[in-house]
Each structure stands twice: as C-alpha cells, then as structure tokens.
Amino acid sequence: MTDLIACLSTGKGTWAHVSQLIAQEDWNNVFLVTNDFGLRFDTRGKGEFVVTNFDKGIDSMVEDIVKQLQGKLKGFEVALNLASGSGKEHMAIISALIKMGVGFRLVVLTKEGIKEI
C-alpha cells in the first residue's frame, strides 16, 4: 500500500470522513496535517500529526510541513485527501509535496469505498 496524507482542519463532518478513510485501507503510514486543535483527533494508533499554525503565512506553513515529512514518506507517490480544510491549507500541503519531489493521487471516501479522483 501507500502512505496517506490528509488535511485535518475544520468543517462539519470532515473529521468523520478522514477517520473512515484511515480505517478503510491498510496504509503504510498516515500523516495528518493539522493545527493544535486537530491534536484532539483520535488516530487509533494509525496516524502521525504534522502540526502547523493555519494562521501563519503560507510559506511558513509549507516549511513546517516539509520539515516534519522529510525522510518519512515511503516511495515517490502518496495518496492525498483534501476533504477537510481551506484552500490555503490545501495549497500549503500541495506545495510541500511538490518541493519534496513527491507525486500524489487524490483519494476520497465514497459509498463504494475509497476512490481515486
């Protein structure tokens, strides 16, 4: 399987989506990009937090994400879920992955299971 990176921010129902996405697949690693508030999320031992301050400038957010993911990803491609969060948060995650030279597939949980979109 592959590593999963998911944005874990605010939004009604998005934490449930991320929780089910984690549970439905046998991921190598799970990295949840979040802020201090997101540390309340129960990973059930299947995830690692990548913490940044969503109120910071985007360059600082990208730097935080790169620092915390560097050397931890297995392979050259990850599964990426952006169902939770804002455009700024999404752009920071995408920028960090590009700067690290990591490709990504967008994945989402549907009624039929996990789908690549």
PDB file of N, CA and C in Angstrom:
ATOM      1  N   MET A   1       0.841  -1.182   0.000  1.00  0.00           N
ATOM      2  CA  MET A   1       0.000   0.000   0.000  1.00  0.00           C
ATOM      3  C   MET A   1       0.879   1.235   0.000  1.00  0.00           C
ATOM      4  N   THR A   2       0.295   2.349   0.110  1.00  0.00           N
ATOM      5  CA  THR A   2       0.992   3.630   0.028  1.00  0.00           C
ATOM      6  C   THR A   2       0.777   4.438   1.301  1.00  0.00           C
ATOM      7  N   ASP A   3       1.458   5.550   1.397  1.00  0.00           N
ATOM      8  CA  ASP A   3       1.245   6.478   2.506  1.00  0.00           C
ATOM      9  C   ASP A   3       0.047   7.362   2.195  1.00  0.00           C
ATOM     10  N   LEU A   4      -0.670   7.742   3.230  1.00  0.00           N
ATOM     11  CA  LEU A   4      -1.793   8.667   3.110  1.00  0.00           C
ATOM     12  C   LEU A   4      -1.429   9.965   3.806  1.00  0.00           C
ATOM     13  N   ILE A   5      -1.667  11.076   3.122  1.00  0.00           N
ATOM     14  CA  ILE A   5      -1.577  12.393   3.730  1.00  0.00           C
ATOM     15  C   ILE A   5      -2.964  13.003   3.638  1.00  0.00           C
ATOM     16  N   ALA A   6      -3.481  13.459   4.762  1.00  0.00           N
ATOM     17  CA  ALA A   6      -4.810  14.066   4.777  1.00  0.00           C
ATOM     18  C   ALA A   6      -4.759  15.380   5.545  1.00  0.00           C
ATOM     19  N   CYS A   7      -5.478  16.350   5.042  1.00  0.00           N
ATOM     20  CA  CYS A   7      -5.664  17.605   5.747  1.00  0.00           C
ATOM     21  C   CYS A   7      -6.732  17.361   6.813  1.00  0.00           C
ATOM     22  N   LEU A   8      -6.446  17.761   8.035  1.00  0.00           N
ATOM     23  CA  LEU A   8      -7.393  17.596   9.137  1.00  0.00           C
ATOM     24  C   LEU A   8      -7.622  18.971   9.747  1.00  0.00           C
ATOM     25  N   SER A   9      -8.653  19.629   9.283  1.00  0.00           N
ATOM     26  CA  SER A   9      -8.921  21.003   9.697  1.00  0.00           C
ATOM     27  C   SER A   9     -10.334  21.094  10.230  1.00  0.00           C
ATOM     28  N   THR A  10     -10.987  22.179   9.937  1.00  0.00           N
ATOM     29  CA  THR A  10     -12.349  22.376  10.408  1.00  0.00           C
ATOM     30  C   THR A  10     -13.330  22.075   9.281  1.00  0.00           C
ATOM     31  N   GLY A  11     -14.555  21.914   9.649  1.00  0.00           N
ATOM     32  CA  GLY A  11     -15.599  21.632   8.675  1.00  0.00           C
ATOM     33  C   GLY A  11     -16.484  20.529   9.185  1.00  0.00           C
ATOM     34  N   LYS A  12     -17.751  20.752   9.145  1.00  0.00           N
ATOM     35  CA  LYS A  12     -18.712  19.784   9.671  1.00  0.00           C
ATOM     36  C   LYS A  12     -18.591  18.443   8.934  1.00  0.00           C
ATOM     37  N   GLY A  13     -18.341  17.400   9.689  1.00  0.00           N
ATOM     38  CA  GLY A  13     -18.287  16.049   9.137  1.00  0.00           C
ATOM     39  C   GLY A  13     -16.960  15.650   8.528  1.00  0.00           C
ATOM     40  N   THR A  14     -16.017  16.574   8.429  1.00  0.00           N
ATOM     41  CA  THR A  14     -14.772  16.220   7.747  1.00  0.00           C
ATOM     42  C   THR A  14     -13.895  15.302   8.585  1.00  0.00           C
ATOM     43  N   TRP A  15     -13.949  15.414   9.893  1.00  0.00           N
ATOM     44  CA  TRP A  15     -13.155  14.511  10.724  1.00  0.00           C
ATOM     45  C   TRP A  15     -13.662  13.076  10.592  1.00  0.00           C
ATOM     46  N   ALA A  16     -14.966  12.901  10.490  1.00  0.00           N
ATOM     47  CA  ALA A  16     -15.526  11.557  10.301  1.00  0.00           C
ATOM     48  C   ALA A  16     -15.064  10.986   8.964  1.00  0.00           C
ATOM     49  N   HIS A  17     -15.034  11.829   7.937  1.00  0.00           N
ATOM     50  CA  HIS A  17     -14.565  11.390   6.620  1.00  0.00           C
ATOM     51  C   HIS A  17     -13.117  10.914   6.710  1.00  0.00           C
ATOM     52  N   VAL A  18     -12.265  11.696   7.348  1.00  0.00           N
ATOM     53  CA  VAL A  18     -10.855  11.334   7.476  1.00  0.00           C
ATOM     54  C   VAL A  18     -10.707  10.061   8.307  1.00  0.00           C
ATOM     55  N   SER A  19     -11.458   9.951   9.384  1.00  0.00           N
ATOM     56  CA  SER A  19     -11.400   8.763  10.237  1.00  0.00           C
ATOM     57  C   SER A  19     -11.757   7.500   9.457  1.00  0.00           C
ATOM     58  N   GLN A  20     -12.821   7.562   8.669  1.00  0.00           N
ATOM     59  CA  GLN A  20     -13.239   6.407   7.880  1.00  0.00           C
ATOM     60  C   GLN A  20     -12.240   6.102   6.770  1.00  0.00           C
ATOM     61  N   LEU A  21     -11.669   7.123   6.183  1.00  0.00           N
ATOM     62  CA  LEU A  21     -10.655   6.937   5.141  1.00  0.00           C
ATOM     63  C   LEU A  21      -9.452   6.180   5.707  1.00  0.00           C
ATOM     64  N   ILE A  22      -9.029   6.552   6.903  1.00  0.00           N
ATOM     65  CA  ILE A  22      -7.904   5.876   7.547  1.00  0.00           C
ATOM     66  C   ILE A  22      -8.245   4.414   7.817  1.00  0.00           C
ATOM     67  N   ALA A  23      -9.446   4.163   8.324  1.00  0.00           N
ATOM     68  CA  ALA A  23      -9.843   2.819   8.733  1.00  0.00           C
ATOM     69  C   ALA A  23     -10.082   1.875   7.557  1.00  0.00           C
ATOM     70  N   GLN A  24     -10.459   2.408   6.391  1.00  0.00           N
ATOM     71  CA  GLN A  24     -10.890   1.568   5.268  1.00  0.00           C
ATOM     72  C   GLN A  24      -9.748   0.979   4.444  1.00  0.00           C
ATOM     73  N   GLU A  25      -8.520   1.403   4.712  1.00  0.00           N
ATOM     74  CA  GLU A  25      -7.402   0.945   3.888  1.00  0.00           C
ATOM     75  C   GLU A  25      -6.222   0.610   4.787  1.00  0.00           C
ATOM     76  N   ASP A  26      -5.381  -0.280   4.323  1.00  0.00           N
ATOM     77  CA  ASP A  26      -4.186  -0.658   5.066  1.00  0.00           C
ATOM     78  C   ASP A  26      -3.018   0.206   4.585  1.00  0.00           C
ATOM     79  N   TRP A  27      -2.982   1.451   5.046  1.00  0.00           N
ATOM     80  CA  TRP A  27      -1.960   2.400   4.622  1.00  0.00           C
ATOM     81  C   TRP A  27      -0.616   2.053   5.253  1.00  0.00           C
ATOM     82  N   ASN A  28       0.482   2.310   4.527  1.00  0.00           N
ATOM     83  CA  ASN A  28       1.814   2.148   5.128  1.00  0.00           C
ATOM     84  C   ASN A  28       1.960   3.098   6.307  1.00  0.00           C
ATOM     85  N   ASN A  29       1.690   4.357   6.066  1.00  0.00           N
ATOM     86  CA  ASN A  29       1.745   5.409   7.078  1.00  0.00           C
ATOM     87  C   ASN A  29       0.612   6.380   6.814  1.00  0.00           C
ATOM     88  N   VAL A  30       0.169   7.048   7.874  1.00  0.00           N
ATOM     89  CA  VAL A  30      -0.856   8.086   7.757  1.00  0.00           C
ATOM     90  C   VAL A  30      -0.299   9.355   8.400  1.00  0.00           C
ATOM     91  N   PHE A  31      -0.319  10.440   7.636  1.00  0.00           N
ATOM     92  CA  PHE A  31       0.135  11.740   8.132  1.00  0.00           C
ATOM     93  C   PHE A  31      -1.029  12.714   8.038  1.00  0.00           C
ATOM     94  N   LEU A  32      -1.369  13.319   9.163  1.00  0.00           N
ATOM     95  CA  LEU A  32      -2.495  14.245   9.235  1.00  0.00           C
ATOM     96  C   LEU A  32      -1.967  15.659   9.434  1.00  0.00           C
ATOM     97  N   VAL A  33      -2.139  16.492   8.434  1.00  0.00           N
ATOM     98  CA  VAL A  33      -1.694  17.887   8.513  1.00  0.00           C
ATOM     99  C   VAL A  33      -2.789  18.667   9.225  1.00  0.00           C
ATOM    100  N   THR A  34      -2.431  19.232  10.374  1.00  0.00           N
ATOM    101  CA  THR A  34      -3.422  19.861  11.226  1.00  0.00           C
ATOM    102  C   THR A  34      -2.807  21.002  12.021  1.00  0.00           C
ATOM    103  N   ASN A  35      -3.621  21.618  12.865  1.00  0.00           N
ATOM    104  CA  ASN A  35      -3.137  22.623  13.804  1.00  0.00           C
ATOM    105  C   ASN A  35      -3.266  22.053  15.222  1.00  0.00           C
ATOM    106  N   ASP A  36      -3.007  22.872  16.233  1.00  0.00           N
ATOM    107  CA  ASP A  36      -3.075  22.381  17.615  1.00  0.00           C
ATOM    108  C   ASP A  36      -4.448  21.806  17.964  1.00  0.00           C
ATOM    109  N   PHE A  37      -5.515  22.406  17.440  1.00  0.00           N
ATOM    110  CA  PHE A  37      -6.860  21.912  17.715  1.00  0.00           C
ATOM    111  C   PHE A  37      -7.036  20.472  17.209  1.00  0.00           C
ATOM    112  N   GLY A  38      -6.448  20.159  16.065  1.00  0.00           N
ATOM    113  CA  GLY A  38      -6.577  18.832  15.468  1.00  0.00           C
ATOM    114  C   GLY A  38      -5.917  17.723  16.265  1.00  0.00           C
ATOM    115  N   LEU A  39      -5.069  18.079  17.230  1.00  0.00           N
ATOM    116  CA  LEU A  39      -4.417  17.059  18.044  1.00  0.00           C
ATOM    117  C   LEU A  39      -5.419  16.291  18.909  1.00  0.00           C
ATOM    118  N   ARG A  40      -6.668  16.776  18.946  1.00  0.00           N
ATOM    119  CA  ARG A  40      -7.739  16.071  19.670  1.00  0.00           C
ATOM    120  C   ARG A  40      -8.252  14.865  18.891  1.00  0.00           C
ATOM    121  N   PHE A  41      -7.947  14.793  17.614  1.00  0.00           N
ATOM    122  CA  PHE A  41      -8.423  13.719  16.743  1.00  0.00           C
ATOM    123  C   PHE A  41      -7.840  12.388  17.211  1.00  0.00           C
ATOM    124  N   ASP A  42      -8.687  11.367  17.286  1.00  0.00           N
ATOM    125  CA  ASP A  42      -8.252  10.037  17.699  1.00  0.00           C
ATOM    126  C   ASP A  42      -7.789   9.253  16.478  1.00  0.00           C
ATOM    127  N   THR A  43      -6.506   9.054  16.347  1.00  0.00           N
ATOM    128  CA  THR A  43      -5.950   8.310  15.205  1.00  0.00           C
ATOM    129  C   THR A  43      -6.053   6.802  15.407  1.00  0.00           C
ATOM    130  N   ARG A  44      -6.410   6.385  16.596  1.00  0.00           N
ATOM    131  CA  ARG A  44      -6.465   4.957  16.946  1.00  0.00           C
ATOM    132  C   ARG A  44      -5.128   4.281  16.628  1.00  0.00           C
ATOM    133  N   GLY A  45      -4.058   5.032  16.844  1.00  0.00           N
ATOM    134  CA  GLY A  45      -2.716   4.484  16.641  1.00  0.00           C
ATOM    135  C   GLY A  45      -2.300   4.342  15.194  1.00  0.00           C
ATOM    136  N   LYS A  46      -3.081   4.885  14.267  1.00  0.00           N
ATOM    137  CA  LYS A  46      -2.787   4.715  12.844  1.00  0.00           C
ATOM    138  C   LYS A  46      -2.367   6.007  12.162  1.00  0.00           C
ATOM    139  N   GLY A  47      -1.886   6.962  12.902  1.00  0.00           N
ATOM    140  CA  GLY A  47      -1.537   8.212  12.251  1.00  0.00           C
ATOM    141  C   GLY A  47      -0.532   9.014  13.029  1.00  0.00           C
ATOM    142  N   GLU A  48       0.106   9.909  12.305  1.00  0.00           N
ATOM    143  CA  GLU A  48       1.072  10.824  12.892  1.00  0.00           C
ATOM    144  C   GLU A  48       0.650  12.242  12.508  1.00  0.00           C
ATOM    145  N   PHE A  49       0.720  13.146  13.457  1.00  0.00           N
ATOM    146  CA  PHE A  49       0.333  14.527  13.193  1.00  0.00           C
ATOM    147  C   PHE A  49       1.485  15.323  12.604  1.00  0.00           C
ATOM    148  N   VAL A  50       1.160  16.145  11.625  1.00  0.00           N
ATOM    149  CA  VAL A  50       2.068  17.141  11.067  1.00  0.00           C
ATOM    150  C   VAL A  50       1.421  18.469  11.433  1.00  0.00           C
ATOM    151  N   VAL A  51       1.991  19.148  12.415  1.00  0.00           N
ATOM    152  CA  VAL A  51       1.328  20.298  13.017  1.00  0.00           C
ATOM    153  C   VAL A  51       1.919  21.608  12.499  1.00  0.00           C
ATOM    154  N   THR A  52       1.026  22.492  12.105  1.00  0.00           N
ATOM    155  CA  THR A  52       1.396  23.841  11.721  1.00  0.00           C
ATOM    156  C   THR A  52       0.318  24.788  12.224  1.00  0.00           C
ATOM    157  N   ASN A  53       0.593  26.052  12.162  1.00  0.00           N
ATOM    158  CA  ASN A  53      -0.376  27.062  12.560  1.00  0.00           C
ATOM    159  C   ASN A  53      -1.049  27.560  11.282  1.00  0.00           C
ATOM    160  N   PHE A  54      -2.331  27.301  11.120  1.00  0.00           N
ATOM    161  CA  PHE A  54      -3.050  27.682   9.904  1.00  0.00           C
ATOM    162  C   PHE A  54      -3.196  29.197   9.759  1.00  0.00           C
ATOM    163  N   ASP A  55      -2.870  29.945  10.795  1.00  0.00           N
ATOM    164  CA  ASP A  55      -2.930  31.401  10.718  1.00  0.00           C
ATOM    165  C   ASP A  55      -1.614  32.019  10.238  1.00  0.00           C
ATOM    166  N   LYS A  56      -0.567  31.204  10.134  1.00  0.00           N
ATOM    167  CA  LYS A  56       0.724  31.683   9.653  1.00  0.00           C
ATOM    168  C   LYS A  56       0.653  31.968   8.153  1.00  0.00           C
ATOM    169  N   GLY A  57       1.686  32.597   7.653  1.00  0.00           N
ATOM    170  CA  GLY A  57       1.804  32.777   6.214  1.00  0.00           C
ATOM    171  C   GLY A  57       2.007  31.440   5.529  1.00  0.00           C
ATOM    172  N   ILE A  58       1.618  31.358   4.279  1.00  0.00           N
ATOM    173  CA  ILE A  58       1.674  30.079   3.570  1.00  0.00           C
ATOM    174  C   ILE A  58       3.105  29.555   3.442  1.00  0.00           C
ATOM    175  N   ASP A  59       4.084  30.448   3.256  1.00  0.00           N
ATOM    176  CA  ASP A  59       5.477  29.994   3.158  1.00  0.00           C
ATOM    177  C   ASP A  59       5.924  29.295   4.437  1.00  0.00           C
ATOM    178  N   SER A  60       5.535  29.826   5.575  1.00  0.00           N
ATOM    179  CA  SER A  60       5.883  29.207   6.861  1.00  0.00           C
ATOM    180  C   SER A  60       5.182  27.864   7.035  1.00  0.00           C
ATOM    181  N   MET A  61       3.934  27.785   6.588  1.00  0.00           N
ATOM    182  CA  MET A  61       3.205  26.523   6.671  1.00  0.00           C
ATOM    183  C   MET A  61       3.887  25.460   5.820  1.00  0.00           C
ATOM    184  N   VAL A  62       4.265  25.834   4.594  1.00  0.00           N
ATOM    185  CA  VAL A  62       4.951  24.883   3.702  1.00  0.00           C
ATOM    186  C   VAL A  62       6.229  24.391   4.365  1.00  0.00           C
ATOM    187  N   GLU A  63       6.995  25.318   4.935  1.00  0.00           N
ATOM    188  CA  GLU A  63       8.254  24.958   5.596  1.00  0.00           C
ATOM    189  C   GLU A  63       8.006  23.977   6.745  1.00  0.00           C
ATOM    190  N   ASP A  64       6.984  24.225   7.558  1.00  0.00           N
ATOM    191  CA  ASP A  64       6.646  23.319   8.663  1.00  0.00           C
ATOM    192  C   ASP A  64       6.323  21.914   8.146  1.00  0.00           C
ATOM    193  N   ILE A  65       5.527  21.851   7.107  1.00  0.00           N
ATOM    194  CA  ILE A  65       5.106  20.551   6.560  1.00  0.00           C
ATOM    195  C   ILE A  65       6.300  19.792   6.000  1.00  0.00           C
ATOM    196  N   VAL A  66       7.134  20.464   5.228  1.00  0.00           N
ATOM    197  CA  VAL A  66       8.319  19.820   4.650  1.00  0.00           C
ATOM    198  C   VAL A  66       9.219  19.285   5.762  1.00  0.00           C
ATOM    199  N   LYS A  67       9.497  20.096   6.774  1.00  0.00           N
ATOM    200  CA  LYS A  67      10.375  19.681   7.872  1.00  0.00           C
ATOM    201  C   LYS A  67       9.864  18.418   8.556  1.00  0.00           C
ATOM    202  N   GLN A  68       8.562  18.353   8.757  1.00  0.00           N
ATOM    203  CA  GLN A  68       8.001  17.228   9.503  1.00  0.00           C
ATOM    204  C   GLN A  68       7.813  15.966   8.661  1.00  0.00           C
ATOM    205  N   LEU A  69       7.715  16.111   7.345  1.00  0.00           N
ATOM    206  CA  LEU A  69       7.543  14.942   6.473  1.00  0.00           C
ATOM    207  C   LEU A  69       8.857  14.429   5.892  1.00  0.00           C
ATOM    208  N   GLN A  70       9.874  15.282   5.865  1.00  0.00           N
ATOM    209  CA  GLN A  70      11.146  14.926   5.241  1.00  0.00           C
ATOM    210  C   GLN A  70      11.677  13.607   5.792  1.00  0.00           C
ATOM    211  N   GLY A  71      11.960  12.677   4.893  1.00  0.00           N
ATOM    212  CA  GLY A  71      12.531  11.392   5.265  1.00  0.00           C
ATOM    213  C   GLY A  71      11.546  10.374   5.806  1.00  0.00           C
ATOM    214  N   LYS A  72      10.276  10.712   5.879  1.00  0.00           N
ATOM    215  CA  LYS A  72       9.283   9.798   6.455  1.00  0.00           C
ATOM    216  C   LYS A  72       8.413   9.102   5.415  1.00  0.00           C
ATOM    217  N   LEU A  73       8.369   9.630   4.212  1.00  0.00           N
ATOM    218  CA  LEU A  73       7.483   9.068   3.195  1.00  0.00           C
ATOM    219  C   LEU A  73       8.140   7.884   2.506  1.00  0.00           C
ATOM    220  N   LYS A  74       7.354   6.849   2.288  1.00  0.00           N
ATOM    221  CA  LYS A  74       7.828   5.647   1.606  1.00  0.00           C
ATOM    222  C   LYS A  74       7.450   5.753   0.135  1.00  0.00           C
ATOM    223  N   GLY A  75       8.425   5.757  -0.741  1.00  0.00           N
ATOM    224  CA  GLY A  75       8.126   5.809  -2.166  1.00  0.00           C
ATOM    225  C   GLY A  75       8.087   7.223  -2.695  1.00  0.00           C
ATOM    226  N   PHE A  76       7.692   7.318  -3.952  1.00  0.00           N
ATOM    227  CA  PHE A  76       7.707   8.597  -4.660  1.00  0.00           C
ATOM    228  C   PHE A  76       6.317   9.181  -4.856  1.00  0.00           C
ATOM    229  N   GLU A  77       5.297   8.488  -4.356  1.00  0.00           N
ATOM    230  CA  GLU A  77       3.922   8.933  -4.538  1.00  0.00           C
ATOM    231  C   GLU A  77       3.128   8.638  -3.279  1.00  0.00           C
ATOM    232  N   VAL A  78       2.192   9.532  -2.955  1.00  0.00           N
ATOM    233  CA  VAL A  78       1.330   9.346  -1.798  1.00  0.00           C
ATOM    234  C   VAL A  78      -0.125   9.491  -2.227  1.00  0.00           C
ATOM    235  N   ALA A  79      -1.015   8.983  -1.393  1.00  0.00           N
ATOM    236  CA  ALA A  79      -2.442   9.254  -1.547  1.00  0.00           C
ATOM    237  C   ALA A  79      -2.723  10.525  -0.754  1.00  0.00           C
ATOM    238  N   LEU A  80      -3.481  11.443  -1.334  1.00  0.00           N
ATOM    239  CA  LEU A  80      -3.736  12.738  -0.718  1.00  0.00           C
ATOM    240  C   LEU A  80      -5.231  12.991  -0.637  1.00  0.00           C
ATOM    241  N   ASN A  81      -5.689  13.336   0.562  1.00  0.00           N
ATOM    242  CA  ASN A  81      -7.093  13.668   0.759  1.00  0.00           C
ATOM    243  C   ASN A  81      -7.198  15.083   1.292  1.00  0.00           C
ATOM    244  N   LEU A  82      -7.983  15.907   0.592  1.00  0.00           N
ATOM    245  CA  LEU A  82      -8.155  17.306   0.968  1.00  0.00           C
ATOM    246  C   LEU A  82      -9.622  17.633   1.243  1.00  0.00           C
ATOM    247  N   ALA A  83     -10.377  16.650   1.737  1.00  0.00           N
ATOM    248  CA  ALA A  83     -11.795  16.863   2.021  1.00  0.00           C
ATOM    249  C   ALA A  83     -11.993  17.840   3.177  1.00  0.00           C
ATOM    250  N   SER A  84     -11.030  17.921   4.057  1.00  0.00           N
ATOM    251  CA  SER A  84     -11.095  18.834   5.184  1.00  0.00           C
ATOM    252  C   SER A  84     -10.158  20.003   4.920  1.00  0.00           C
ATOM    253  N   GLY A  85     -10.526  21.184   5.395  1.00  0.00           N
ATOM    254  CA  GLY A  85      -9.614  22.311   5.304  1.00  0.00           C
ATOM    255  C   GLY A  85      -9.993  23.366   4.289  1.00  0.00           C
ATOM    256  N   SER A  86      -9.129  24.384   4.229  1.00  0.00           N
ATOM    257  CA  SER A  86      -9.349  25.524   3.342  1.00  0.00           C
ATOM    258  C   SER A  86      -8.374  25.486   2.175  1.00  0.00           C
ATOM    259  N   GLY A  87      -8.608  26.356   1.229  1.00  0.00           N
ATOM    260  CA  GLY A  87      -7.731  26.448   0.070  1.00  0.00           C
ATOM    261  C   GLY A  87      -6.294  26.747   0.454  1.00  0.00           C
ATOM    262  N   LYS A  88      -6.095  27.636   1.414  1.00  0.00           N
ATOM    263  CA  LYS A  88      -4.747  27.976   1.865  1.00  0.00           C
ATOM    264  C   LYS A  88      -4.044  26.744   2.427  1.00  0.00           C
ATOM    265  N   GLU A  89      -4.748  25.982   3.223  1.00  0.00           N
ATOM    266  CA  GLU A  89      -4.175  24.767   3.808  1.00  0.00           C
ATOM    267  C   GLU A  89      -3.862  23.749   2.722  1.00  0.00           C
ATOM    268  N   HIS A  90      -4.763  23.603   1.780  1.00  0.00           N
ATOM    269  CA  HIS A  90      -4.552  22.668   0.675  1.00  0.00           C
ATOM    270  C   HIS A  90      -3.343  23.071  -0.155  1.00  0.00           C
ATOM    271  N   MET A  91      -3.237  24.371  -0.462  1.00  0.00           N
ATOM    272  CA  MET A  91      -2.114  24.850  -1.259  1.00  0.00           C
ATOM    273  C   MET A  91      -0.792  24.614  -0.538  1.00  0.00           C
ATOM    274  N   ALA A  92      -0.759  24.785   0.774  1.00  0.00           N
ATOM    275  CA  ALA A  92       0.471  24.556   1.531  1.00  0.00           C
ATOM    276  C   ALA A  92       0.887  23.090   1.465  1.00  0.00           C
ATOM    277  N   ILE A  93      -0.065  22.187   1.584  1.00  0.00           N
ATOM    278  CA  ILE A  93       0.243  20.755   1.521  1.00  0.00           C
ATOM    279  C   ILE A  93       0.746  20.386   0.127  1.00  0.00           C
ATOM    280  N   ILE A  94       0.047  20.815  -0.906  1.00  0.00           N
ATOM    281  CA  ILE A  94       0.446  20.511  -2.280  1.00  0.00           C
ATOM    282  C   ILE A  94       1.831  21.088  -2.570  1.00  0.00           C
ATOM    283  N   SER A  95       2.068  22.327  -2.165  1.00  0.00           N
ATOM    284  CA  SER A  95       3.364  22.958  -2.380  1.00  0.00           C
ATOM    285  C   SER A  95       4.471  22.180  -1.677  1.00  0.00           C
ATOM    286  N   ALA A  96       4.227  21.749  -0.442  1.00  0.00           N
ATOM    287  CA  ALA A  96       5.232  20.979   0.294  1.00  0.00           C
ATOM    288  C   ALA A  96       5.569  19.684  -0.423  1.00  0.00           C
ATOM    289  N   LEU A  97       4.560  18.985  -0.923  1.00  0.00           N
ATOM    290  CA  LEU A  97       4.808  17.730  -1.632  1.00  0.00           C
ATOM    291  C   LEU A  97       5.597  17.968  -2.913  1.00  0.00           C
ATOM    292  N   ILE A  98       5.256  19.017  -3.638  1.00  0.00           N
ATOM    293  CA  ILE A  98       5.978  19.342  -4.868  1.00  0.00           C
ATOM    294  C   ILE A  98       7.429  19.685  -4.540  1.00  0.00           C
ATOM    295  N   LYS A  99       7.662  20.492  -3.522  1.00  0.00           N
ATOM    296  CA  LYS A  99       9.026  20.862  -3.127  1.00  0.00           C
ATOM    297  C   LYS A  99       9.842  19.638  -2.735  1.00  0.00           C
ATOM    298  N   MET A 100       9.173  18.622  -2.187  1.00  0.00           N
ATOM    299  CA  MET A 100       9.858  17.397  -1.784  1.00  0.00           C
ATOM    300  C   MET A 100      10.017  16.416  -2.946  1.00  0.00           C
ATOM    301  N   GLY A 101       9.432  16.740  -4.092  1.00  0.00           N
ATOM    302  CA  GLY A 101       9.522  15.857  -5.248  1.00  0.00           C
ATOM    303  C   GLY A 101       8.632  14.632  -5.153  1.00  0.00           C
ATOM    304  N   VAL A 102       7.563  14.747  -4.390  1.00  0.00           N
ATOM    305  CA  VAL A 102       6.651  13.623  -4.174  1.00  0.00           C
ATOM    306  C   VAL A 102       5.410  13.801  -5.039  1.00  0.00           C
ATOM    307  N   GLY A 103       5.061  12.776  -5.795  1.00  0.00           N
ATOM    308  CA  GLY A 103       3.826  12.789  -6.565  1.00  0.00           C
ATOM    309  C   GLY A 103       2.661  12.413  -5.665  1.00  0.00           C
ATOM    310  N   PHE A 104       1.458  12.709  -6.132  1.00  0.00           N
ATOM    311  CA  PHE A 104       0.294  12.372  -5.312  1.00  0.00           C
ATOM    312  C   PHE A 104      -0.895  12.011  -6.184  1.00  0.00           C
ATOM    313  N   ARG A 105      -1.740  11.152  -5.616  1.00  0.00           N
ATOM    314  CA  ARG A 105      -3.038  10.794  -6.189  1.00  0.00           C
ATOM    315  C   ARG A 105      -4.077  11.319  -5.231  1.00  0.00           C
ATOM    316  N   LEU A 106      -5.098  11.976  -5.738  1.00  0.00           N
ATOM    317  CA  LEU A 106      -6.172  12.453  -4.875  1.00  0.00           C
ATOM    318  C   LEU A 106      -7.133  11.303  -4.605  1.00  0.00           C
ATOM    319  N   VAL A 107      -7.410  11.061  -3.340  1.00  0.00           N
ATOM    320  CA  VAL A 107      -8.316   9.979  -2.956  1.00  0.00           C
ATOM    321  C   VAL A 107      -9.438  10.531  -2.097  1.00  0.00           C
ATOM    322  N   VAL A 108     -10.581   9.879  -2.195  1.00  0.00           N
ATOM    323  CA  VAL A 108     -11.758  10.295  -1.438  1.00  0.00           C
ATOM    324  C   VAL A 108     -12.530   9.044  -1.040  1.00  0.00           C
ATOM    325  N   LEU A 109     -13.238   9.133   0.067  1.00  0.00           N
ATOM    326  CA  LEU A 109     -14.087   8.039   0.516  1.00  0.00           C
ATOM    327  C   LEU A 109     -15.488   8.251  -0.033  1.00  0.00           C
ATOM    328  N   THR A 110     -16.019   7.254  -0.725  1.00  0.00           N
ATOM    329  CA  THR A 110     -17.364   7.313  -1.265  1.00  0.00           C
ATOM    330  C   THR A 110     -18.179   6.138  -0.690  1.00  0.00           C
ATOM    331  N   LYS A 111     -19.431   6.074  -1.054  1.00  0.00           N
ATOM    332  CA  LYS A 111     -20.272   4.954  -0.615  1.00  0.00           C
ATOM    333  C   LYS A 111     -19.737   3.628  -1.122  1.00  0.00           C
ATOM    334  N   GLU A 112     -19.044   3.664  -2.252  1.00  0.00           N
ATOM    335  CA  GLU A 112     -18.469   2.448  -2.835  1.00  0.00           C
ATOM    336  C   GLU A 112     -17.078   2.138  -2.298  1.00  0.00           C
ATOM    337  N   GLY A 113     -16.556   2.977  -1.427  1.00  0.00           N
ATOM    338  CA  GLY A 113     -15.215   2.779  -0.872  1.00  0.00           C
ATOM    339  C   GLY A 113     -14.282   3.903  -1.283  1.00  0.00           C
ATOM    340  N   ILE A 114     -13.002   3.659  -1.145  1.00  0.00           N
ATOM    341  CA  ILE A 114     -12.006   4.675  -1.487  1.00  0.00           C
ATOM    342  C   ILE A 114     -11.830   4.708  -2.987  1.00  0.00           C
ATOM    343  N   LYS A 115     -11.891   5.935  -3.530  1.00  0.00           N
ATOM    344  CA  LYS A 115     -11.725   6.113  -4.977  1.00  0.00           C
ATOM    345  C   LYS A 115     -10.663   7.156  -5.245  1.00  0.00           C
ATOM    346  N   GLU A 116      -9.915   6.925  -6.308  1.00  0.00           N
ATOM    347  CA  GLU A 116      -9.001   7.934  -6.793  1.00  0.00           C
ATOM    348  C   GLU A 116      -9.782   8.853  -7.721  1.00  0.00           C
ATOM    349  N   ILE A 117      -9.603  10.163  -7.536  1.00  0.00           N
ATOM    350  CA  ILE A 117     -10.330  11.114  -8.391  1.00  0.00           C
ATOM    351  C   ILE A 117      -9.376  11.923  -9.246  1.00  0.00           C
TER     352      ILE A 117
END
